Amino acid sequence: MIFEDDQIILIPIDEPRKGWEKAFKKMNAQGDDKLLMDSVFKDELFKTI
């Protein structure tokens, strides 16, 4: 993203997720890939009547 002369120019990147696989493997090896919060909140639980 480039800001130039009151314009925003978007330039696509060649490899959008380059390096993610290596980074996620490293996070997993270090135990740093845990959820920061529960994936379901109490108010999202469906109850049957």
PDB file of N, CA and C in Angstrom:
ATOM      1  N   MET A   1       0.856  -1.160   0.000  1.00  0.00           N
ATOM      2  CA  MET A   1       0.000   0.000   0.000  1.00  0.00           C
ATOM      3  C   MET A   1       0.910   1.232   0.000  1.00  0.00           C
ATOM      4  N   ILE A   2       0.653   2.096  -0.930  1.00  0.00           N
ATOM      5  CA  ILE A   2       1.449   3.309  -1.051  1.00  0.00           C
ATOM      6  C   ILE A   2       0.511   4.517  -1.016  1.00  0.00           C
ATOM      7  N   PHE A   3       0.861   5.515  -0.223  1.00  0.00           N
ATOM      8  CA  PHE A   3       0.116   6.769  -0.182  1.00  0.00           C
ATOM      9  C   PHE A   3       0.934   7.802  -0.947  1.00  0.00           C
ATOM     10  N   GLU A   4       0.358   8.333  -2.015  1.00  0.00           N
ATOM     11  CA  GLU A   4       1.119   9.246  -2.857  1.00  0.00           C
ATOM     12  C   GLU A   4       0.180  10.263  -3.505  1.00  0.00           C
ATOM     13  N   ASP A   5       0.462  11.519  -3.328  1.00  0.00           N
ATOM     14  CA  ASP A   5      -0.315  12.592  -3.962  1.00  0.00           C
ATOM     15  C   ASP A   5      -1.817  12.411  -3.790  1.00  0.00           C
ATOM     16  N   ASP A   6      -2.262  12.290  -2.552  1.00  0.00           N
ATOM     17  CA  ASP A   6      -3.686  12.127  -2.236  1.00  0.00           C
ATOM     18  C   ASP A   6      -4.304  10.884  -2.881  1.00  0.00           C
ATOM     19  N   GLN A   7      -3.494   9.866  -3.110  1.00  0.00           N
ATOM     20  CA  GLN A   7      -3.971   8.608  -3.681  1.00  0.00           C
ATOM     21  C   GLN A   7      -3.494   7.448  -2.822  1.00  0.00           C
ATOM     22  N   ILE A   8      -4.261   6.389  -2.845  1.00  0.00           N
ATOM     23  CA  ILE A   8      -3.855   5.138  -2.220  1.00  0.00           C
ATOM     24  C   ILE A   8      -3.630   4.150  -3.348  1.00  0.00           C
ATOM     25  N   ILE A   9      -2.425   3.625  -3.443  1.00  0.00           N
ATOM     26  CA  ILE A   9      -2.080   2.688  -4.501  1.00  0.00           C
ATOM     27  C   ILE A   9      -1.869   1.318  -3.881  1.00  0.00           C
ATOM     28  N   LEU A  10      -2.652   0.346  -4.348  1.00  0.00           N
ATOM     29  CA  LEU A  10      -2.540  -1.026  -3.867  1.00  0.00           C
ATOM     30  C   LEU A  10      -1.787  -1.850  -4.896  1.00  0.00           C
ATOM     31  N   ILE A  11      -0.729  -2.497  -4.452  1.00  0.00           N
ATOM     32  CA  ILE A  11       0.071  -3.331  -5.343  1.00  0.00           C
ATOM     33  C   ILE A  11       0.011  -4.761  -4.818  1.00  0.00           C
ATOM     34  N   PRO A  12      -0.455  -5.700  -5.648  1.00  0.00           N
ATOM     35  CA  PRO A  12      -0.524  -7.094  -5.174  1.00  0.00           C
ATOM     36  C   PRO A  12       0.867  -7.657  -4.914  1.00  0.00           C
ATOM     37  N   ILE A  13       0.930  -8.556  -3.936  1.00  0.00           N
ATOM     38  CA  ILE A  13       2.203  -9.201  -3.636  1.00  0.00           C
ATOM     39  C   ILE A  13       2.233 -10.566  -4.297  1.00  0.00           C
ATOM     40  N   ASP A  14       3.433 -11.045  -4.592  1.00  0.00           N
ATOM     41  CA  ASP A  14       3.588 -12.311  -5.308  1.00  0.00           C
ATOM     42  C   ASP A  14       3.201 -13.518  -4.463  1.00  0.00           C
ATOM     43  N   GLU A  15       3.624 -13.533  -3.224  1.00  0.00           N
ATOM     44  CA  GLU A  15       3.360 -14.673  -2.345  1.00  0.00           C
ATOM     45  C   GLU A  15       2.742 -14.160  -1.048  1.00  0.00           C
ATOM     46  N   PRO A  16       1.405 -14.096  -0.982  1.00  0.00           N
ATOM     47  CA  PRO A  16       0.737 -13.448   0.157  1.00  0.00           C
ATOM     48  C   PRO A  16       1.040 -14.057   1.529  1.00  0.00           C
ATOM     49  N   ARG A  17       1.289 -15.341   1.616  1.00  0.00           N
ATOM     50  CA  ARG A  17       1.526 -15.955   2.937  1.00  0.00           C
ATOM     51  C   ARG A  17       2.920 -16.569   3.030  1.00  0.00           C
ATOM     52  N   LYS A  18       3.849 -15.939   2.377  1.00  0.00           N
ATOM     53  CA  LYS A  18       5.229 -16.421   2.350  1.00  0.00           C
ATOM     54  C   LYS A  18       5.789 -16.470   3.771  1.00  0.00           C
ATOM     55  N   GLY A  19       6.314 -17.622   4.153  1.00  0.00           N
ATOM     56  CA  GLY A  19       6.940 -17.771   5.455  1.00  0.00           C
ATOM     57  C   GLY A  19       6.003 -18.179   6.584  1.00  0.00           C
ATOM     58  N   TRP A  20       4.689 -18.208   6.330  1.00  0.00           N
ATOM     59  CA  TRP A  20       3.744 -18.534   7.394  1.00  0.00           C
ATOM     60  C   TRP A  20       3.938 -19.953   7.895  1.00  0.00           C
ATOM     61  N   GLU A  21       4.140 -20.911   6.995  1.00  0.00           N
ATOM     62  CA  GLU A  21       4.263 -22.300   7.414  1.00  0.00           C
ATOM     63  C   GLU A  21       5.446 -22.478   8.375  1.00  0.00           C
ATOM     64  N   LYS A  22       6.574 -21.894   8.047  1.00  0.00           N
ATOM     65  CA  LYS A  22       7.763 -21.976   8.906  1.00  0.00           C
ATOM     66  C   LYS A  22       7.497 -21.299  10.259  1.00  0.00           C
ATOM     67  N   ALA A  23       6.850 -20.148  10.211  1.00  0.00           N
ATOM     68  CA  ALA A  23       6.562 -19.411  11.442  1.00  0.00           C
ATOM     69  C   ALA A  23       5.612 -20.195  12.345  1.00  0.00           C
ATOM     70  N   PHE A  24       4.581 -20.833  11.761  1.00  0.00           N
ATOM     71  CA  PHE A  24       3.638 -21.605  12.569  1.00  0.00           C
ATOM     72  C   PHE A  24       4.290 -22.851  13.144  1.00  0.00           C
ATOM     73  N   LYS A  25       5.191 -23.475  12.403  1.00  0.00           N
ATOM     74  CA  LYS A  25       5.911 -24.638  12.929  1.00  0.00           C
ATOM     75  C   LYS A  25       6.779 -24.232  14.112  1.00  0.00           C
ATOM     76  N   LYS A  26       7.416 -23.078  14.017  1.00  0.00           N
ATOM     77  CA  LYS A  26       8.249 -22.569  15.111  1.00  0.00           C
ATOM     78  C   LYS A  26       7.384 -22.258  16.338  1.00  0.00           C
ATOM     79  N   MET A  27       6.233 -21.627  16.113  1.00  0.00           N
ATOM     80  CA  MET A  27       5.319 -21.324  17.220  1.00  0.00           C
ATOM     81  C   MET A  27       4.879 -22.604  17.917  1.00  0.00           C
ATOM     82  N   ASN A  28       4.544 -23.640  17.128  1.00  0.00           N
ATOM     83  CA  ASN A  28       4.105 -24.911  17.690  1.00  0.00           C
ATOM     84  C   ASN A  28       5.211 -25.553  18.509  1.00  0.00           C
ATOM     85  N   ALA A  29       6.433 -25.546  17.998  1.00  0.00           N
ATOM     86  CA  ALA A  29       7.572 -26.140  18.702  1.00  0.00           C
ATOM     87  C   ALA A  29       7.818 -25.443  20.038  1.00  0.00           C
ATOM     88  N   GLN A  30       7.526 -24.149  20.098  1.00  0.00           N
ATOM     89  CA  GLN A  30       7.734 -23.372  21.324  1.00  0.00           C
ATOM     90  C   GLN A  30       6.501 -23.360  22.226  1.00  0.00           C
ATOM     91  N   GLY A  31       5.428 -24.037  21.790  1.00  0.00           N
ATOM     92  CA  GLY A  31       4.194 -24.060  22.582  1.00  0.00           C
ATOM     93  C   GLY A  31       3.471 -22.727  22.576  1.00  0.00           C
ATOM     94  N   ASP A  32       3.719 -21.927  21.562  1.00  0.00           N
ATOM     95  CA  ASP A  32       3.147 -20.584  21.494  1.00  0.00           C
ATOM     96  C   ASP A  32       1.996 -20.503  20.489  1.00  0.00           C
ATOM     97  N   ASP A  33       1.286 -21.622  20.299  1.00  0.00           N
ATOM     98  CA  ASP A  33       0.191 -21.625  19.331  1.00  0.00           C
ATOM     99  C   ASP A  33      -1.147 -21.955  19.986  1.00  0.00           C
ATOM    100  N   LYS A  34      -1.278 -21.600  21.237  1.00  0.00           N
ATOM    101  CA  LYS A  34      -2.521 -21.846  21.975  1.00  0.00           C
ATOM    102  C   LYS A  34      -3.491 -20.679  21.772  1.00  0.00           C
ATOM    103  N   LEU A  35      -4.780 -20.984  21.841  1.00  0.00           N
ATOM    104  CA  LEU A  35      -5.790 -19.932  21.735  1.00  0.00           C
ATOM    105  C   LEU A  35      -5.672 -18.965  22.909  1.00  0.00           C
ATOM    106  N   LEU A  36      -5.862 -17.692  22.654  1.00  0.00           N
ATOM    107  CA  LEU A  36      -5.799 -16.689  23.711  1.00  0.00           C
ATOM    108  C   LEU A  36      -7.113 -16.577  24.469  1.00  0.00           C
ATOM    109  N   MET A  37      -8.198 -17.048  23.836  1.00  0.00           N
ATOM    110  CA  MET A  37      -9.499 -17.058  24.489  1.00  0.00           C
ATOM    111  C   MET A  37     -10.270 -18.267  23.971  1.00  0.00           C
ATOM    112  N   ASP A  38     -11.297 -18.651  24.684  1.00  0.00           N
ATOM    113  CA  ASP A  38     -12.103 -19.785  24.251  1.00  0.00           C
ATOM    114  C   ASP A  38     -12.668 -19.526  22.861  1.00  0.00           C
ATOM    115  N   SER A  39     -12.815 -20.584  22.084  1.00  0.00           N
ATOM    116  CA  SER A  39     -13.331 -20.425  20.730  1.00  0.00           C
ATOM    117  C   SER A  39     -14.849 -20.231  20.718  1.00  0.00           C
ATOM    118  N   VAL A  40     -15.534 -20.566  21.804  1.00  0.00           N
ATOM    119  CA  VAL A  40     -16.980 -20.377  21.903  1.00  0.00           C
ATOM    120  C   VAL A  40     -17.271 -19.636  23.208  1.00  0.00           C
ATOM    121  N   PHE A  41     -18.032 -18.574  23.096  1.00  0.00           N
ATOM    122  CA  PHE A  41     -18.422 -17.824  24.280  1.00  0.00           C
ATOM    123  C   PHE A  41     -19.726 -18.393  24.840  1.00  0.00           C
ATOM    124  N   LYS A  42     -19.978 -18.177  26.108  1.00  0.00           N
ATOM    125  CA  LYS A  42     -21.168 -18.724  26.746  1.00  0.00           C
ATOM    126  C   LYS A  42     -22.449 -18.322  26.027  1.00  0.00           C
ATOM    127  N   ASP A  43     -22.532 -17.088  25.539  1.00  0.00           N
ATOM    128  CA  ASP A  43     -23.757 -16.644  24.883  1.00  0.00           C
ATOM    129  C   ASP A  43     -23.911 -17.223  23.472  1.00  0.00           C
ATOM    130  N   GLU A  44     -22.903 -17.942  22.987  1.00  0.00           N
ATOM    131  CA  GLU A  44     -23.001 -18.574  21.668  1.00  0.00           C
ATOM    132  C   GLU A  44     -23.457 -20.034  21.770  1.00  0.00           C
ATOM    133  N   LEU A  45     -23.541 -20.546  22.972  1.00  0.00           N
ATOM    134  CA  LEU A  45     -23.942 -21.945  23.129  1.00  0.00           C
ATOM    135  C   LEU A  45     -25.419 -22.084  22.819  1.00  0.00           C
ATOM    136  N   PHE A  46     -25.754 -23.068  22.008  1.00  0.00           N
ATOM    137  CA  PHE A  46     -27.140 -23.290  21.644  1.00  0.00           C
ATOM    138  C   PHE A  46     -27.773 -24.267  22.639  1.00  0.00           C
ATOM    139  N   LYS A  47     -28.927 -23.893  23.111  1.00  0.00           N
ATOM    140  CA  LYS A  47     -29.642 -24.738  24.088  1.00  0.00           C
ATOM    141  C   LYS A  47     -30.905 -25.284  23.427  1.00  0.00           C
ATOM    142  N   THR A  48     -31.168 -26.531  23.668  1.00  0.00           N
ATOM    143  CA  THR A  48     -32.406 -27.124  23.158  1.00  0.00           C
ATOM    144  C   THR A  48     -33.434 -27.115  24.279  1.00  0.00           C
ATOM    145  N   ILE A  49     -34.661 -26.862  23.923  1.00  0.00           N
ATOM    146  CA  ILE A  49     -35.727 -26.788  24.922  1.00  0.00           C
ATOM    147  C   ILE A  49     -36.495 -28.076  24.921  1.00  0.00           C
TER     148      ILE A  49
END
